[in-house]
């Protein structure tokens, strides 16, 4: 799973909020699908730019991520490399396109989880919000907390 960080968590939430606000969504469009919408948020590329990059390669996001080569110089590979700089993994991108990460899905109530479809805007929004929550929890768990049991007592002067 992605490396939990504030930039990625905020981008996941903004992407969900943008979709909720009516931002273009079309699962079959490489720049307006699940990964395409997150890529827009992280890179500031347009959906048209992302789609044009994708058309220079073969297949959907899953297939292009499988074929990812960081040294190819192809625009889609450069885009994927950029996304990885935000803490994502190639597996995360494949899961996002199909809403399939078990760690994310297991946080969604069973009845809702079993009805989710990878190409339904509302399901994508729920997945993104849940993923952000999971990463936020991981980030908070990693924060060191003070050891109050071994903190010297403060003396108050009266």
N, C-alpha and C. Protein backbone atom coordinates (compact mmCIF):
# COMPACT_ATOMS: atom_id res chain seq x y z
N UNK A 1 0.84 -1.18 0.00
CA UNK A 1 0.00 0.00 0.00
C UNK A 1 0.88 1.24 0.00
N UNK A 2 0.32 2.32 -0.45
CA UNK A 2 1.02 3.60 -0.54
C UNK A 2 1.67 3.98 0.78
N UNK A 3 2.73 4.75 0.67
CA UNK A 3 3.35 5.33 1.85
C UNK A 3 2.44 6.46 2.32
N UNK A 4 1.97 6.36 3.54
CA UNK A 4 1.04 7.37 4.07
C UNK A 4 1.76 8.72 4.19
N UNK A 5 1.16 9.75 3.59
CA UNK A 5 1.69 11.10 3.70
C UNK A 5 0.56 12.09 3.50
N UNK A 6 0.73 13.28 4.04
CA UNK A 6 -0.34 14.28 4.02
C UNK A 6 -0.71 14.71 2.61
N UNK A 7 0.27 14.82 1.72
CA UNK A 7 -0.01 15.26 0.35
C UNK A 7 -0.94 14.27 -0.35
N UNK A 8 -0.63 12.99 -0.24
CA UNK A 8 -1.45 11.97 -0.89
C UNK A 8 -2.84 11.89 -0.26
N UNK A 9 -2.90 11.94 1.06
CA UNK A 9 -4.20 11.89 1.75
C UNK A 9 -5.08 13.05 1.30
N UNK A 10 -4.51 14.24 1.24
CA UNK A 10 -5.28 15.42 0.81
C UNK A 10 -5.71 15.27 -0.65
N UNK A 11 -4.85 14.74 -1.50
CA UNK A 11 -5.20 14.56 -2.92
C UNK A 11 -6.32 13.55 -3.09
N UNK A 12 -6.30 12.48 -2.32
CA UNK A 12 -7.39 11.49 -2.39
C UNK A 12 -8.71 12.14 -2.00
N UNK A 13 -8.68 12.93 -0.94
CA UNK A 13 -9.92 13.60 -0.48
C UNK A 13 -10.39 14.65 -1.48
N UNK A 14 -9.47 15.41 -2.05
CA UNK A 14 -9.86 16.41 -3.05
C UNK A 14 -10.45 15.73 -4.28
N UNK A 15 -9.86 14.62 -4.69
CA UNK A 15 -10.37 13.89 -5.85
C UNK A 15 -11.79 13.42 -5.60
N UNK A 16 -12.05 12.86 -4.43
CA UNK A 16 -13.41 12.43 -4.08
C UNK A 16 -14.36 13.62 -4.06
N UNK A 17 -13.92 14.72 -3.48
CA UNK A 17 -14.76 15.92 -3.40
C UNK A 17 -15.04 16.48 -4.80
N UNK A 18 -14.03 16.48 -5.66
CA UNK A 18 -14.22 16.97 -7.03
C UNK A 18 -15.22 16.10 -7.79
N UNK A 19 -15.11 14.79 -7.62
CA UNK A 19 -16.07 13.89 -8.27
C UNK A 19 -17.48 14.14 -7.74
N UNK A 20 -17.58 14.35 -6.45
CA UNK A 20 -18.88 14.65 -5.84
C UNK A 20 -19.44 15.97 -6.38
N UNK A 21 -18.55 16.88 -6.71
CA UNK A 21 -18.97 18.18 -7.23
C UNK A 21 -19.25 18.19 -8.73
N UNK A 22 -19.13 17.04 -9.38
CA UNK A 22 -19.48 16.96 -10.79
C UNK A 22 -18.32 16.96 -11.76
N UNK A 23 -17.09 16.85 -11.28
CA UNK A 23 -15.95 16.79 -12.19
C UNK A 23 -16.16 15.63 -13.16
N UNK A 24 -15.76 15.81 -14.42
CA UNK A 24 -15.99 14.75 -15.41
C UNK A 24 -15.44 13.40 -14.97
N UNK A 25 -16.28 12.37 -15.14
CA UNK A 25 -15.90 11.01 -14.81
C UNK A 25 -16.38 10.09 -15.92
N UNK A 26 -15.44 9.33 -16.46
CA UNK A 26 -15.78 8.33 -17.47
C UNK A 26 -14.73 7.23 -17.37
N UNK A 27 -15.12 6.07 -16.91
CA UNK A 27 -14.16 5.01 -16.64
C UNK A 27 -13.36 4.63 -17.88
N UNK A 28 -13.93 4.71 -19.05
CA UNK A 28 -13.23 4.34 -20.27
C UNK A 28 -12.31 5.41 -20.82
N UNK A 29 -12.23 6.56 -20.18
CA UNK A 29 -11.37 7.67 -20.62
C UNK A 29 -10.17 7.73 -19.69
N UNK A 30 -8.97 7.53 -20.21
CA UNK A 30 -7.77 7.41 -19.38
C UNK A 30 -7.49 8.65 -18.52
N UNK A 31 -8.02 9.79 -18.91
CA UNK A 31 -7.80 11.01 -18.13
C UNK A 31 -8.94 11.35 -17.19
N UNK A 32 -10.07 10.65 -17.31
CA UNK A 32 -11.24 10.96 -16.49
C UNK A 32 -11.75 9.74 -15.72
N UNK A 33 -10.93 8.70 -15.65
CA UNK A 33 -11.30 7.48 -14.93
C UNK A 33 -10.81 7.59 -13.49
N UNK A 34 -10.76 6.49 -12.79
CA UNK A 34 -10.35 6.48 -11.39
C UNK A 34 -8.93 7.01 -11.23
N UNK A 35 -7.97 6.38 -11.92
CA UNK A 35 -6.58 6.83 -11.84
C UNK A 35 -6.41 8.19 -12.50
N UNK A 36 -7.11 8.41 -13.59
CA UNK A 36 -6.98 9.69 -14.29
C UNK A 36 -7.38 10.87 -13.44
N UNK A 37 -8.45 10.73 -12.67
CA UNK A 37 -8.88 11.84 -11.80
C UNK A 37 -7.87 12.09 -10.69
N UNK A 38 -7.31 11.04 -10.10
CA UNK A 38 -6.29 11.24 -9.07
C UNK A 38 -5.02 11.83 -9.70
N UNK A 39 -4.66 11.36 -10.88
CA UNK A 39 -3.48 11.89 -11.57
C UNK A 39 -3.66 13.38 -11.86
N UNK A 40 -4.86 13.79 -12.26
CA UNK A 40 -5.11 15.22 -12.47
C UNK A 40 -4.83 16.01 -11.20
N UNK A 41 -5.28 15.47 -10.09
CA UNK A 41 -5.15 16.18 -8.81
C UNK A 41 -3.69 16.27 -8.37
N UNK A 42 -2.93 15.20 -8.56
CA UNK A 42 -1.54 15.19 -8.10
C UNK A 42 -0.59 15.92 -9.04
N UNK A 43 -0.87 15.87 -10.34
CA UNK A 43 0.09 16.40 -11.32
C UNK A 43 -0.33 17.72 -11.94
N UNK A 44 -1.57 18.09 -11.81
CA UNK A 44 -2.13 19.29 -12.44
C UNK A 44 -2.19 19.17 -13.97
N UNK A 45 -2.03 17.96 -14.50
CA UNK A 45 -2.25 17.73 -15.92
C UNK A 45 -3.76 17.70 -16.17
N UNK A 46 -4.16 17.99 -17.39
CA UNK A 46 -5.58 17.93 -17.72
C UNK A 46 -5.96 16.50 -18.10
N UNK A 47 -7.26 16.25 -18.11
CA UNK A 47 -7.71 14.91 -18.53
C UNK A 47 -7.31 14.65 -19.98
N UNK A 48 -7.31 15.70 -20.80
CA UNK A 48 -6.92 15.54 -22.21
C UNK A 48 -5.44 15.18 -22.32
N UNK A 49 -4.59 15.84 -21.52
CA UNK A 49 -3.16 15.53 -21.53
C UNK A 49 -2.93 14.06 -21.15
N UNK A 50 -3.55 13.64 -20.06
CA UNK A 50 -3.37 12.28 -19.56
C UNK A 50 -3.86 11.27 -20.60
N UNK A 51 -5.00 11.55 -21.19
CA UNK A 51 -5.56 10.65 -22.20
C UNK A 51 -4.62 10.56 -23.41
N UNK A 52 -4.08 11.71 -23.84
CA UNK A 52 -3.16 11.72 -24.98
C UNK A 52 -1.90 10.92 -24.66
N UNK A 53 -1.38 11.06 -23.45
CA UNK A 53 -0.22 10.27 -23.04
C UNK A 53 -0.54 8.78 -23.11
N UNK A 54 -1.70 8.42 -22.60
CA UNK A 54 -2.09 7.01 -22.54
C UNK A 54 -2.25 6.41 -23.93
N UNK A 55 -2.74 7.20 -24.87
CA UNK A 55 -2.95 6.69 -26.22
C UNK A 55 -1.64 6.34 -26.93
N UNK A 56 -0.52 6.85 -26.41
CA UNK A 56 0.78 6.52 -26.99
C UNK A 56 1.26 5.13 -26.54
N UNK A 57 0.58 4.58 -25.52
CA UNK A 57 0.89 3.23 -25.04
C UNK A 57 -0.24 2.30 -25.41
N UNK A 58 -0.29 1.16 -24.73
CA UNK A 58 -1.33 0.18 -25.03
C UNK A 58 -2.07 -0.20 -23.77
N UNK A 59 -3.39 -0.28 -23.87
CA UNK A 59 -4.21 -0.79 -22.79
C UNK A 59 -4.69 0.27 -21.81
N UNK A 60 -5.41 -0.22 -20.80
CA UNK A 60 -5.94 0.67 -19.77
C UNK A 60 -4.85 0.93 -18.73
N UNK A 61 -5.23 1.60 -17.64
CA UNK A 61 -4.25 1.92 -16.60
C UNK A 61 -3.57 0.67 -16.06
N UNK A 62 -4.34 -0.38 -15.81
CA UNK A 62 -3.76 -1.61 -15.26
C UNK A 62 -2.66 -2.14 -16.17
N UNK A 63 -2.96 -2.20 -17.45
CA UNK A 63 -2.00 -2.74 -18.41
C UNK A 63 -0.79 -1.81 -18.57
N UNK A 64 -1.04 -0.51 -18.58
CA UNK A 64 0.08 0.42 -18.74
C UNK A 64 0.97 0.41 -17.51
N UNK A 65 0.37 0.24 -16.34
CA UNK A 65 1.16 0.15 -15.12
C UNK A 65 1.99 -1.14 -15.12
N UNK A 66 1.40 -2.24 -15.61
CA UNK A 66 2.14 -3.50 -15.72
C UNK A 66 3.36 -3.35 -16.62
N UNK A 67 3.22 -2.55 -17.67
CA UNK A 67 4.30 -2.35 -18.64
C UNK A 67 5.20 -1.18 -18.27
N UNK A 68 4.97 -0.55 -17.13
CA UNK A 68 5.71 0.64 -16.71
C UNK A 68 7.22 0.41 -16.75
N UNK A 69 7.90 1.35 -17.40
CA UNK A 69 9.36 1.34 -17.46
C UNK A 69 9.83 2.76 -17.16
N UNK A 70 10.44 2.98 -16.01
CA UNK A 70 10.80 4.34 -15.61
C UNK A 70 11.84 5.00 -16.51
N UNK A 71 12.51 4.24 -17.36
CA UNK A 71 13.54 4.82 -18.22
C UNK A 71 13.12 4.91 -19.69
N UNK A 72 11.87 4.60 -20.00
CA UNK A 72 11.44 4.57 -21.41
C UNK A 72 11.35 5.96 -22.03
N UNK A 73 11.05 6.95 -21.21
CA UNK A 73 10.85 8.29 -21.73
C UNK A 73 9.46 8.51 -22.31
N UNK A 74 8.64 7.46 -22.34
CA UNK A 74 7.27 7.62 -22.84
C UNK A 74 6.48 8.48 -21.86
N UNK A 75 5.61 9.35 -22.39
CA UNK A 75 4.85 10.25 -21.51
C UNK A 75 4.07 9.53 -20.41
N UNK A 76 3.46 8.40 -20.72
CA UNK A 76 2.68 7.69 -19.71
C UNK A 76 3.59 7.13 -18.62
N UNK A 77 4.77 6.65 -19.00
CA UNK A 77 5.71 6.15 -18.00
C UNK A 77 6.23 7.29 -17.13
N UNK A 78 6.43 8.47 -17.72
CA UNK A 78 6.84 9.63 -16.94
C UNK A 78 5.74 10.03 -15.96
N UNK A 79 4.49 9.96 -16.41
CA UNK A 79 3.36 10.27 -15.54
C UNK A 79 3.28 9.28 -14.38
N UNK A 80 3.40 8.01 -14.68
CA UNK A 80 3.36 6.99 -13.62
C UNK A 80 4.50 7.22 -12.64
N UNK A 81 5.69 7.50 -13.15
CA UNK A 81 6.84 7.77 -12.27
C UNK A 81 6.56 8.97 -11.37
N UNK A 82 5.90 9.97 -11.91
CA UNK A 82 5.54 11.15 -11.12
C UNK A 82 4.57 10.76 -10.00
N UNK A 83 3.59 9.94 -10.32
CA UNK A 83 2.62 9.50 -9.31
C UNK A 83 3.30 8.70 -8.20
N UNK A 84 4.29 7.91 -8.56
CA UNK A 84 5.00 7.11 -7.56
C UNK A 84 5.77 8.01 -6.58
N UNK A 85 6.14 9.20 -7.03
CA UNK A 85 6.85 10.14 -6.15
C UNK A 85 5.97 10.62 -5.00
N UNK A 86 4.67 10.46 -5.13
CA UNK A 86 3.73 10.87 -4.07
C UNK A 86 3.47 9.76 -3.07
N UNK A 87 4.19 8.67 -3.18
CA UNK A 87 4.04 7.57 -2.23
C UNK A 87 3.19 6.42 -2.73
N UNK A 88 2.64 6.56 -3.93
CA UNK A 88 1.84 5.47 -4.51
C UNK A 88 2.75 4.36 -5.00
N UNK A 89 2.20 3.18 -5.14
CA UNK A 89 2.90 2.07 -5.77
C UNK A 89 2.15 1.72 -7.05
N UNK A 90 2.80 0.95 -7.91
CA UNK A 90 2.11 0.52 -9.12
C UNK A 90 0.91 -0.36 -8.77
N UNK A 91 1.03 -1.13 -7.71
CA UNK A 91 -0.09 -1.96 -7.26
C UNK A 91 -1.26 -1.09 -6.81
N UNK A 92 -0.97 0.03 -6.14
CA UNK A 92 -2.03 0.96 -5.74
C UNK A 92 -2.81 1.44 -6.95
N UNK A 93 -2.10 1.79 -8.01
CA UNK A 93 -2.77 2.29 -9.21
C UNK A 93 -3.64 1.21 -9.84
N UNK A 94 -3.14 -0.01 -9.87
CA UNK A 94 -3.95 -1.10 -10.41
C UNK A 94 -5.19 -1.34 -9.55
N UNK A 95 -5.01 -1.30 -8.24
CA UNK A 95 -6.16 -1.46 -7.34
C UNK A 95 -7.15 -0.32 -7.50
N UNK A 96 -6.66 0.90 -7.63
CA UNK A 96 -7.56 2.05 -7.76
C UNK A 96 -8.43 1.90 -9.01
N UNK A 97 -7.85 1.48 -10.09
CA UNK A 97 -8.63 1.39 -11.33
C UNK A 97 -9.76 0.37 -11.21
N UNK A 98 -9.59 -0.64 -10.37
CA UNK A 98 -10.62 -1.66 -10.19
C UNK A 98 -11.28 -1.62 -8.81
N UNK A 99 -10.88 -0.65 -7.98
CA UNK A 99 -11.39 -0.53 -6.60
C UNK A 99 -11.22 -1.86 -5.88
N UNK A 100 -10.01 -2.38 -5.88
CA UNK A 100 -9.82 -3.76 -5.45
C UNK A 100 -8.86 -3.99 -4.29
N UNK A 101 -8.33 -2.95 -3.67
CA UNK A 101 -7.38 -3.18 -2.57
C UNK A 101 -8.12 -3.75 -1.37
N UNK A 102 -7.77 -4.96 -0.93
CA UNK A 102 -8.48 -5.57 0.20
C UNK A 102 -8.40 -4.74 1.48
N UNK A 103 -7.27 -4.07 1.68
CA UNK A 103 -7.11 -3.28 2.89
C UNK A 103 -8.10 -2.11 2.92
N UNK A 104 -8.39 -1.55 1.76
CA UNK A 104 -9.38 -0.47 1.65
C UNK A 104 -10.78 -1.05 1.70
N UNK A 105 -11.03 -2.05 0.89
CA UNK A 105 -12.39 -2.61 0.80
C UNK A 105 -12.87 -3.20 2.12
N UNK A 106 -11.96 -3.77 2.90
CA UNK A 106 -12.36 -4.36 4.18
C UNK A 106 -12.84 -3.32 5.17
N UNK A 107 -12.58 -2.06 4.92
CA UNK A 107 -13.05 -0.99 5.80
C UNK A 107 -14.44 -0.50 5.42
N UNK A 108 -14.95 -0.98 4.30
CA UNK A 108 -16.28 -0.60 3.82
C UNK A 108 -17.26 -1.68 4.28
N UNK A 109 -18.42 -1.28 4.81
CA UNK A 109 -19.40 -2.28 5.27
C UNK A 109 -19.70 -3.32 4.18
N UNK A 110 -19.84 -4.56 4.62
CA UNK A 110 -19.97 -5.70 3.72
C UNK A 110 -21.06 -5.52 2.66
N UNK A 111 -22.26 -5.08 3.08
CA UNK A 111 -23.34 -4.94 2.10
C UNK A 111 -22.97 -3.94 1.01
N UNK A 112 -22.34 -2.84 1.40
CA UNK A 112 -21.94 -1.81 0.44
C UNK A 112 -20.77 -2.31 -0.41
N UNK A 113 -19.81 -2.96 0.23
CA UNK A 113 -18.62 -3.48 -0.46
C UNK A 113 -19.01 -4.44 -1.57
N UNK A 114 -19.96 -5.32 -1.28
CA UNK A 114 -20.36 -6.33 -2.26
C UNK A 114 -21.12 -5.75 -3.45
N UNK A 115 -21.62 -4.54 -3.31
CA UNK A 115 -22.35 -3.89 -4.40
C UNK A 115 -21.49 -2.93 -5.20
N UNK A 116 -20.26 -2.70 -4.76
CA UNK A 116 -19.40 -1.72 -5.43
C UNK A 116 -19.02 -2.17 -6.83
N UNK A 117 -18.97 -1.17 -7.72
CA UNK A 117 -18.54 -1.40 -9.09
C UNK A 117 -17.43 -0.41 -9.40
N UNK A 118 -16.43 -0.86 -10.11
CA UNK A 118 -15.25 -0.04 -10.36
C UNK A 118 -15.50 1.17 -11.26
N UNK A 119 -16.62 1.19 -11.96
CA UNK A 119 -16.88 2.26 -12.91
C UNK A 119 -18.11 3.10 -12.53
N UNK A 120 -18.40 3.17 -11.24
CA UNK A 120 -19.53 3.96 -10.74
C UNK A 120 -18.96 5.09 -9.88
N UNK A 121 -19.26 6.31 -10.27
CA UNK A 121 -18.71 7.50 -9.61
C UNK A 121 -18.82 7.43 -8.09
N UNK A 122 -19.98 7.12 -7.57
CA UNK A 122 -20.19 7.11 -6.12
C UNK A 122 -19.33 6.06 -5.44
N UNK A 123 -19.11 4.94 -6.10
CA UNK A 123 -18.26 3.89 -5.54
C UNK A 123 -16.80 4.33 -5.53
N UNK A 124 -16.39 5.03 -6.57
CA UNK A 124 -15.03 5.57 -6.63
C UNK A 124 -14.82 6.58 -5.51
N UNK A 125 -15.80 7.45 -5.30
CA UNK A 125 -15.71 8.45 -4.23
C UNK A 125 -15.57 7.76 -2.87
N UNK A 126 -16.38 6.74 -2.62
CA UNK A 126 -16.31 6.01 -1.36
C UNK A 126 -14.95 5.34 -1.19
N UNK A 127 -14.45 4.73 -2.23
CA UNK A 127 -13.14 4.07 -2.18
C UNK A 127 -12.04 5.08 -1.87
N UNK A 128 -12.05 6.22 -2.55
CA UNK A 128 -11.04 7.25 -2.33
C UNK A 128 -11.08 7.77 -0.89
N UNK A 129 -12.28 8.03 -0.40
CA UNK A 129 -12.43 8.53 0.98
C UNK A 129 -11.96 7.49 1.99
N UNK A 130 -12.30 6.24 1.75
CA UNK A 130 -11.90 5.16 2.66
C UNK A 130 -10.39 4.97 2.62
N UNK A 131 -9.81 5.03 1.44
CA UNK A 131 -8.36 4.90 1.29
C UNK A 131 -7.65 6.02 2.04
N UNK A 132 -8.16 7.24 1.91
CA UNK A 132 -7.57 8.37 2.63
C UNK A 132 -7.63 8.13 4.14
N UNK A 133 -8.75 7.60 4.61
CA UNK A 133 -8.91 7.31 6.04
C UNK A 133 -7.90 6.24 6.49
N UNK A 134 -7.73 5.19 5.70
CA UNK A 134 -6.77 4.13 6.03
C UNK A 134 -5.36 4.70 6.11
N UNK A 135 -4.99 5.52 5.12
CA UNK A 135 -3.65 6.12 5.13
C UNK A 135 -3.47 7.07 6.30
N UNK A 136 -4.52 7.82 6.62
CA UNK A 136 -4.45 8.73 7.75
C UNK A 136 -4.23 7.96 9.05
N UNK A 137 -4.92 6.85 9.21
CA UNK A 137 -4.72 6.01 10.39
C UNK A 137 -3.29 5.49 10.46
N UNK A 138 -2.75 5.06 9.32
CA UNK A 138 -1.37 4.58 9.29
C UNK A 138 -0.39 5.68 9.66
N UNK A 139 -0.66 6.88 9.17
CA UNK A 139 0.21 8.01 9.47
C UNK A 139 0.18 8.33 10.96
N UNK A 140 -1.01 8.34 11.53
CA UNK A 140 -1.15 8.63 12.96
C UNK A 140 -0.49 7.55 13.82
N UNK A 141 -0.63 6.30 13.41
CA UNK A 141 0.00 5.20 14.16
C UNK A 141 1.52 5.30 14.15
N UNK A 142 2.06 5.89 13.10
CA UNK A 142 3.52 5.99 12.97
C UNK A 142 4.11 7.16 13.76
N UNK A 143 3.26 8.07 14.23
CA UNK A 143 3.76 9.22 14.98
C UNK A 143 4.25 8.77 16.36
N UNK A 144 5.44 9.21 16.72
CA UNK A 144 5.91 8.87 18.06
C UNK A 144 5.16 9.69 19.12
N UNK A 145 4.76 9.02 20.16
CA UNK A 145 4.07 9.69 21.26
C UNK A 145 5.01 9.77 22.45
N UNK A 146 4.88 10.82 23.24
CA UNK A 146 5.75 10.93 24.41
C UNK A 146 5.45 9.82 25.42
N UNK A 147 6.48 9.44 26.14
CA UNK A 147 6.34 8.43 27.18
C UNK A 147 6.03 9.16 28.48
N UNK A 148 4.75 9.28 28.79
CA UNK A 148 4.33 10.06 29.95
C UNK A 148 4.72 9.39 31.27
N UNK A 149 4.91 8.10 31.25
CA UNK A 149 5.30 7.40 32.48
C UNK A 149 6.71 7.78 32.92
N UNK A 150 7.55 8.16 31.98
CA UNK A 150 8.93 8.47 32.31
C UNK A 150 9.25 9.95 32.14
N UNK A 151 8.23 10.77 32.12
CA UNK A 151 8.43 12.21 32.02
C UNK A 151 8.66 12.75 33.42
N UNK A 152 9.72 13.51 33.63
CA UNK A 152 9.96 14.05 34.97
C UNK A 152 8.79 14.91 35.43
N UNK A 153 8.51 14.82 36.71
CA UNK A 153 7.44 15.63 37.30
C UNK A 153 7.84 17.10 37.25
N UNK A 154 6.88 17.89 36.96
CA UNK A 154 7.11 19.33 36.97
C UNK A 154 6.86 19.84 38.38
N UNK A 155 7.72 20.67 38.84
CA UNK A 155 7.48 21.26 40.17
C UNK A 155 6.94 22.65 39.97
N UNK A 156 5.91 22.93 40.66
CA UNK A 156 5.28 24.24 40.57
C UNK A 156 5.73 25.09 41.74
N UNK A 157 6.24 26.23 41.43
CA UNK A 157 6.64 27.15 42.50
C UNK A 157 5.43 27.93 42.95
N UNK A 158 5.21 27.93 44.25
CA UNK A 158 4.06 28.65 44.79
C UNK A 158 4.54 29.82 45.59
